[in-house]
């Protein structure tokens, strides 16, 4: 499977949505997301990963704020408040949802 960023963004631009699912396999859902001026998302019921595709900004993850740019990896546990803030007009990100509702329960290196 291969998904080209330019083609994914063109496909998204042709829709009226800010995000679009591009691939799914088992519990994995892969989306492209390009918020319009304000990120209005609410906590999700699955764990998720973002990989910033273009643009810069900041990311609120719970109570932590990080500066972000292309190539950055961001992890959000299921149910945690998060959003992109102060992002540039060209900002876009890959989104990967996976695992069960409520999130994975096994220990990881960050715990």
N, C-alpha and C. Protein backbone atom coordinates (compact mmCIF):
# COMPACT_ATOMS: atom_id res chain seq x y z
N UNK A 1 0.84 -1.18 0.00
CA UNK A 1 0.00 0.00 0.00
C UNK A 1 0.88 1.23 0.00
N UNK A 2 0.53 2.21 -0.80
CA UNK A 2 1.26 3.47 -0.88
C UNK A 2 0.26 4.61 -0.97
N UNK A 3 0.41 5.61 -0.13
CA UNK A 3 -0.44 6.80 -0.18
C UNK A 3 0.48 8.01 -0.29
N UNK A 4 0.30 8.77 -1.33
CA UNK A 4 1.10 9.95 -1.61
C UNK A 4 0.47 11.15 -0.91
N UNK A 5 1.27 11.94 -0.18
CA UNK A 5 0.76 13.09 0.57
C UNK A 5 0.07 14.10 -0.33
N UNK A 6 0.70 14.46 -1.43
CA UNK A 6 0.11 15.45 -2.34
C UNK A 6 -1.26 15.00 -2.83
N UNK A 7 -1.37 13.74 -3.25
CA UNK A 7 -2.65 13.22 -3.72
C UNK A 7 -3.67 13.14 -2.60
N UNK A 8 -3.24 12.80 -1.40
CA UNK A 8 -4.15 12.74 -0.25
C UNK A 8 -4.72 14.11 0.05
N UNK A 9 -3.87 15.15 0.02
CA UNK A 9 -4.33 16.51 0.28
C UNK A 9 -5.24 17.02 -0.83
N UNK A 10 -4.96 16.66 -2.07
CA UNK A 10 -5.84 17.05 -3.19
C UNK A 10 -7.21 16.41 -3.03
N UNK A 11 -7.23 15.15 -2.65
CA UNK A 11 -8.49 14.44 -2.43
C UNK A 11 -9.28 15.10 -1.29
N UNK A 12 -8.58 15.46 -0.23
CA UNK A 12 -9.21 16.13 0.90
C UNK A 12 -9.75 17.50 0.48
N UNK A 13 -8.97 18.24 -0.28
CA UNK A 13 -9.39 19.57 -0.75
C UNK A 13 -10.65 19.49 -1.62
N UNK A 14 -10.83 18.37 -2.33
CA UNK A 14 -12.01 18.19 -3.18
C UNK A 14 -13.27 17.91 -2.37
N UNK A 15 -13.11 17.61 -1.09
CA UNK A 15 -14.26 17.36 -0.22
C UNK A 15 -14.51 18.60 0.63
N UNK A 16 -15.59 18.59 1.36
CA UNK A 16 -15.87 19.72 2.26
C UNK A 16 -15.43 19.41 3.69
N UNK A 17 -14.72 18.30 3.87
CA UNK A 17 -14.30 17.87 5.20
C UNK A 17 -12.89 18.33 5.53
N UNK A 18 -12.57 18.31 6.82
CA UNK A 18 -11.22 18.64 7.27
C UNK A 18 -10.36 17.38 7.44
N UNK A 19 -10.99 16.21 7.41
CA UNK A 19 -10.26 14.96 7.53
C UNK A 19 -10.91 13.92 6.62
N UNK A 20 -10.11 12.90 6.28
CA UNK A 20 -10.61 11.84 5.41
C UNK A 20 -9.86 10.55 5.71
N UNK A 21 -10.62 9.47 5.88
CA UNK A 21 -9.98 8.17 6.04
C UNK A 21 -9.48 7.71 4.68
N UNK A 22 -8.22 7.28 4.64
CA UNK A 22 -7.60 6.85 3.40
C UNK A 22 -7.29 5.36 3.37
N UNK A 23 -7.22 4.76 4.55
CA UNK A 23 -6.86 3.34 4.63
C UNK A 23 -7.36 2.77 5.94
N UNK A 24 -7.78 1.51 5.90
CA UNK A 24 -8.15 0.80 7.12
C UNK A 24 -7.72 -0.65 7.02
N UNK A 25 -7.30 -1.20 8.14
CA UNK A 25 -6.92 -2.61 8.22
C UNK A 25 -7.04 -3.04 9.66
N UNK A 26 -7.93 -3.99 9.94
CA UNK A 26 -8.15 -4.40 11.33
C UNK A 26 -8.58 -3.20 12.15
N UNK A 27 -7.91 -2.96 13.26
CA UNK A 27 -8.27 -1.82 14.12
C UNK A 27 -7.63 -0.51 13.64
N UNK A 28 -6.75 -0.58 12.64
CA UNK A 28 -6.03 0.60 12.16
C UNK A 28 -6.88 1.41 11.19
N UNK A 29 -6.95 2.73 11.43
CA UNK A 29 -7.56 3.67 10.50
C UNK A 29 -6.55 4.78 10.25
N UNK A 30 -6.25 5.04 8.97
CA UNK A 30 -5.29 6.08 8.59
C UNK A 30 -6.06 7.21 7.92
N UNK A 31 -5.84 8.43 8.42
CA UNK A 31 -6.54 9.60 7.89
C UNK A 31 -5.53 10.69 7.57
N UNK A 32 -5.98 11.63 6.75
CA UNK A 32 -5.28 12.89 6.56
C UNK A 32 -6.17 13.95 7.19
N UNK A 33 -5.56 14.91 7.90
CA UNK A 33 -6.32 15.93 8.62
C UNK A 33 -5.70 17.29 8.36
N UNK A 34 -6.55 18.23 7.97
CA UNK A 34 -6.10 19.60 7.74
C UNK A 34 -7.16 20.53 8.33
N UNK A 35 -6.97 20.92 9.60
CA UNK A 35 -7.96 21.80 10.23
C UNK A 35 -7.99 23.18 9.57
N UNK A 36 -9.16 23.79 9.57
CA UNK A 36 -9.35 25.11 8.96
C UNK A 36 -9.37 26.18 10.05
N UNK A 37 -8.26 26.82 10.28
CA UNK A 37 -8.06 27.93 11.23
C UNK A 37 -8.16 27.52 12.70
N UNK A 38 -9.15 26.70 13.07
CA UNK A 38 -9.32 26.26 14.46
C UNK A 38 -9.52 24.75 14.48
N UNK A 39 -8.79 24.07 15.35
CA UNK A 39 -8.94 22.63 15.53
C UNK A 39 -10.05 22.39 16.54
N UNK A 40 -11.17 21.85 16.08
CA UNK A 40 -12.35 21.67 16.93
C UNK A 40 -12.51 20.24 17.45
N UNK A 41 -11.49 19.41 17.29
CA UNK A 41 -11.66 18.02 17.68
C UNK A 41 -11.82 17.84 19.19
N UNK A 42 -12.48 16.77 19.54
CA UNK A 42 -12.70 16.39 20.93
C UNK A 42 -11.96 15.07 21.18
N UNK A 43 -11.81 14.66 22.43
CA UNK A 43 -11.09 13.40 22.70
C UNK A 43 -11.70 12.22 21.93
N UNK A 44 -10.84 11.31 21.52
CA UNK A 44 -11.26 10.13 20.77
C UNK A 44 -11.28 8.90 21.67
N UNK A 45 -12.00 7.89 21.24
CA UNK A 45 -12.12 6.69 22.07
C UNK A 45 -11.05 5.63 21.78
N UNK A 46 -10.12 5.93 20.87
CA UNK A 46 -9.01 5.02 20.57
C UNK A 46 -7.69 5.78 20.74
N UNK A 47 -6.61 5.06 20.98
CA UNK A 47 -5.28 5.66 20.96
C UNK A 47 -5.01 6.17 19.55
N UNK A 48 -4.20 7.22 19.46
CA UNK A 48 -3.89 7.74 18.14
C UNK A 48 -2.49 8.30 18.06
N UNK A 49 -2.00 8.29 16.84
CA UNK A 49 -0.68 8.83 16.51
C UNK A 49 -0.88 9.86 15.42
N UNK A 50 -0.18 10.98 15.55
CA UNK A 50 -0.12 11.97 14.49
C UNK A 50 1.32 12.03 14.00
N UNK A 51 1.50 12.19 12.70
CA UNK A 51 2.80 12.51 12.12
C UNK A 51 2.56 13.76 11.28
N UNK A 52 3.16 14.86 11.70
CA UNK A 52 2.95 16.13 11.02
C UNK A 52 3.50 16.03 9.60
N UNK A 53 2.64 16.34 8.62
CA UNK A 53 3.03 16.25 7.21
C UNK A 53 3.56 17.57 6.67
N UNK A 54 2.92 18.67 7.06
CA UNK A 54 3.34 19.98 6.56
C UNK A 54 2.92 21.06 7.54
N UNK A 55 3.62 22.19 7.46
CA UNK A 55 3.31 23.32 8.32
C UNK A 55 3.91 23.20 9.71
N UNK A 56 3.64 24.23 10.50
CA UNK A 56 4.13 24.26 11.88
C UNK A 56 3.02 24.77 12.79
N UNK A 57 3.24 24.65 14.09
CA UNK A 57 2.27 25.13 15.07
C UNK A 57 2.64 24.62 16.44
N UNK A 58 1.62 24.40 17.24
CA UNK A 58 1.80 23.85 18.58
C UNK A 58 0.72 22.80 18.79
N UNK A 59 0.96 21.91 19.76
CA UNK A 59 0.05 20.82 20.04
C UNK A 59 -0.20 20.74 21.53
N UNK A 60 -1.47 20.81 21.90
CA UNK A 60 -1.89 20.63 23.28
C UNK A 60 -2.28 19.18 23.46
N UNK A 61 -1.60 18.49 24.39
CA UNK A 61 -1.86 17.08 24.67
C UNK A 61 -2.05 16.96 26.17
N UNK A 62 -3.32 16.92 26.62
CA UNK A 62 -3.60 16.99 28.05
C UNK A 62 -3.28 18.39 28.52
N UNK A 63 -2.28 18.53 29.37
CA UNK A 63 -1.86 19.85 29.88
C UNK A 63 -0.54 20.30 29.26
N UNK A 64 0.06 19.45 28.41
CA UNK A 64 1.37 19.74 27.83
C UNK A 64 1.23 20.38 26.45
N UNK A 65 2.01 21.44 26.19
CA UNK A 65 2.03 22.09 24.88
C UNK A 65 3.42 21.93 24.29
N UNK A 66 3.48 21.49 23.01
CA UNK A 66 4.75 21.29 22.31
C UNK A 66 4.72 22.03 20.99
N UNK A 67 5.85 22.64 20.60
CA UNK A 67 5.99 23.19 19.26
C UNK A 67 6.15 22.01 18.30
N UNK A 68 5.54 22.11 17.11
CA UNK A 68 5.57 20.98 16.18
C UNK A 68 5.89 21.45 14.77
N UNK A 69 6.41 20.50 13.98
CA UNK A 69 6.73 20.75 12.58
C UNK A 69 6.77 19.46 11.80
N UNK A 70 7.03 19.55 10.49
CA UNK A 70 7.02 18.37 9.63
C UNK A 70 7.89 17.23 10.16
N UNK A 71 7.31 16.04 10.13
CA UNK A 71 8.01 14.84 10.57
C UNK A 71 7.83 14.52 12.04
N UNK A 72 7.29 15.44 12.83
CA UNK A 72 7.12 15.18 14.26
C UNK A 72 6.08 14.10 14.52
N UNK A 73 6.36 13.26 15.50
CA UNK A 73 5.51 12.16 15.94
C UNK A 73 4.83 12.59 17.23
N UNK A 74 3.51 12.41 17.30
CA UNK A 74 2.74 12.76 18.49
C UNK A 74 1.84 11.58 18.86
N UNK A 75 1.83 11.22 20.14
CA UNK A 75 0.97 10.13 20.62
C UNK A 75 -0.05 10.71 21.59
N UNK A 76 -1.30 10.27 21.44
CA UNK A 76 -2.37 10.68 22.34
C UNK A 76 -3.11 9.44 22.81
N UNK A 77 -3.18 9.28 24.13
CA UNK A 77 -3.95 8.16 24.69
C UNK A 77 -5.44 8.42 24.49
N UNK A 78 -6.18 7.35 24.34
CA UNK A 78 -7.63 7.45 24.19
C UNK A 78 -8.22 8.28 25.33
N UNK A 79 -9.16 9.17 25.00
CA UNK A 79 -9.87 9.94 26.00
C UNK A 79 -9.18 11.22 26.45
N UNK A 80 -7.95 11.49 25.99
CA UNK A 80 -7.21 12.67 26.43
C UNK A 80 -7.57 13.88 25.55
N UNK A 81 -7.83 15.02 26.19
CA UNK A 81 -8.09 16.27 25.48
C UNK A 81 -6.84 16.68 24.73
N UNK A 82 -7.00 17.01 23.44
CA UNK A 82 -5.87 17.43 22.63
C UNK A 82 -6.35 18.26 21.45
N UNK A 83 -5.45 19.10 20.94
CA UNK A 83 -5.76 19.88 19.73
C UNK A 83 -4.51 20.58 19.24
N UNK A 84 -4.56 20.94 17.96
CA UNK A 84 -3.50 21.73 17.35
C UNK A 84 -3.85 23.20 17.54
N UNK A 85 -2.85 24.01 17.87
CA UNK A 85 -3.06 25.43 18.09
C UNK A 85 -1.99 26.24 17.37
N UNK A 86 -2.33 27.48 17.06
CA UNK A 86 -1.37 28.40 16.42
C UNK A 86 -0.66 27.79 15.22
N UNK A 87 -1.41 27.07 14.39
CA UNK A 87 -0.80 26.39 13.25
C UNK A 87 -0.89 27.26 11.98
N UNK A 88 0.05 27.01 11.07
CA UNK A 88 0.11 27.74 9.81
C UNK A 88 -0.99 27.26 8.86
N UNK A 89 -1.29 28.07 7.85
CA UNK A 89 -2.36 27.75 6.89
C UNK A 89 -2.06 26.47 6.11
N UNK A 90 -0.79 26.12 5.96
CA UNK A 90 -0.42 24.90 5.21
C UNK A 90 -0.31 23.66 6.10
N UNK A 91 -0.75 23.77 7.36
CA UNK A 91 -0.63 22.65 8.29
C UNK A 91 -1.49 21.47 7.86
N UNK A 92 -0.90 20.28 7.91
CA UNK A 92 -1.64 19.02 7.72
C UNK A 92 -0.91 17.92 8.47
N UNK A 93 -1.64 16.87 8.80
CA UNK A 93 -1.04 15.77 9.56
C UNK A 93 -1.68 14.44 9.18
N UNK A 94 -0.87 13.41 9.21
CA UNK A 94 -1.38 12.05 9.12
C UNK A 94 -1.94 11.69 10.49
N UNK A 95 -3.01 10.91 10.52
CA UNK A 95 -3.62 10.46 11.77
C UNK A 95 -3.76 8.95 11.70
N UNK A 96 -3.34 8.27 12.77
CA UNK A 96 -3.44 6.81 12.85
C UNK A 96 -4.20 6.45 14.12
N UNK A 97 -5.42 5.95 13.98
CA UNK A 97 -6.18 5.42 15.11
C UNK A 97 -5.97 3.90 15.13
N UNK A 98 -5.86 3.34 16.33
CA UNK A 98 -5.65 1.89 16.40
C UNK A 98 -6.09 1.36 17.75
N UNK A 99 -6.23 0.04 17.82
CA UNK A 99 -6.51 -0.64 19.07
C UNK A 99 -7.97 -0.58 19.48
N UNK A 100 -8.24 -1.08 20.68
CA UNK A 100 -9.62 -1.14 21.15
C UNK A 100 -10.13 0.20 21.66
N UNK A 101 -11.44 0.34 21.73
CA UNK A 101 -12.02 1.52 22.37
C UNK A 101 -11.54 1.57 23.80
N UNK A 102 -11.18 2.75 24.26
CA UNK A 102 -10.60 2.91 25.59
C UNK A 102 -9.09 2.87 25.59
N UNK A 103 -8.49 2.44 24.46
CA UNK A 103 -7.03 2.44 24.33
C UNK A 103 -6.37 1.17 24.78
N UNK A 104 -5.12 1.03 24.42
CA UNK A 104 -4.29 -0.11 24.82
C UNK A 104 -4.03 -0.03 26.33
N UNK A 105 -3.94 -1.16 26.97
CA UNK A 105 -3.74 -1.18 28.41
C UNK A 105 -2.38 -1.72 28.82
N UNK A 106 -1.55 -2.11 27.85
CA UNK A 106 -0.25 -2.67 28.19
C UNK A 106 0.75 -1.56 28.48
N UNK A 107 1.77 -1.87 29.24
CA UNK A 107 2.81 -0.89 29.56
C UNK A 107 3.63 -0.58 28.32
N UNK A 108 4.03 0.66 28.21
CA UNK A 108 4.92 1.08 27.13
C UNK A 108 6.14 1.76 27.75
N UNK A 109 7.10 2.13 26.95
CA UNK A 109 8.33 2.76 27.45
C UNK A 109 8.09 4.08 28.18
N UNK A 110 6.96 4.76 27.87
CA UNK A 110 6.73 6.06 28.49
C UNK A 110 6.04 5.95 29.85
N UNK A 111 5.68 4.77 30.29
CA UNK A 111 4.96 4.63 31.56
C UNK A 111 5.88 4.27 32.69
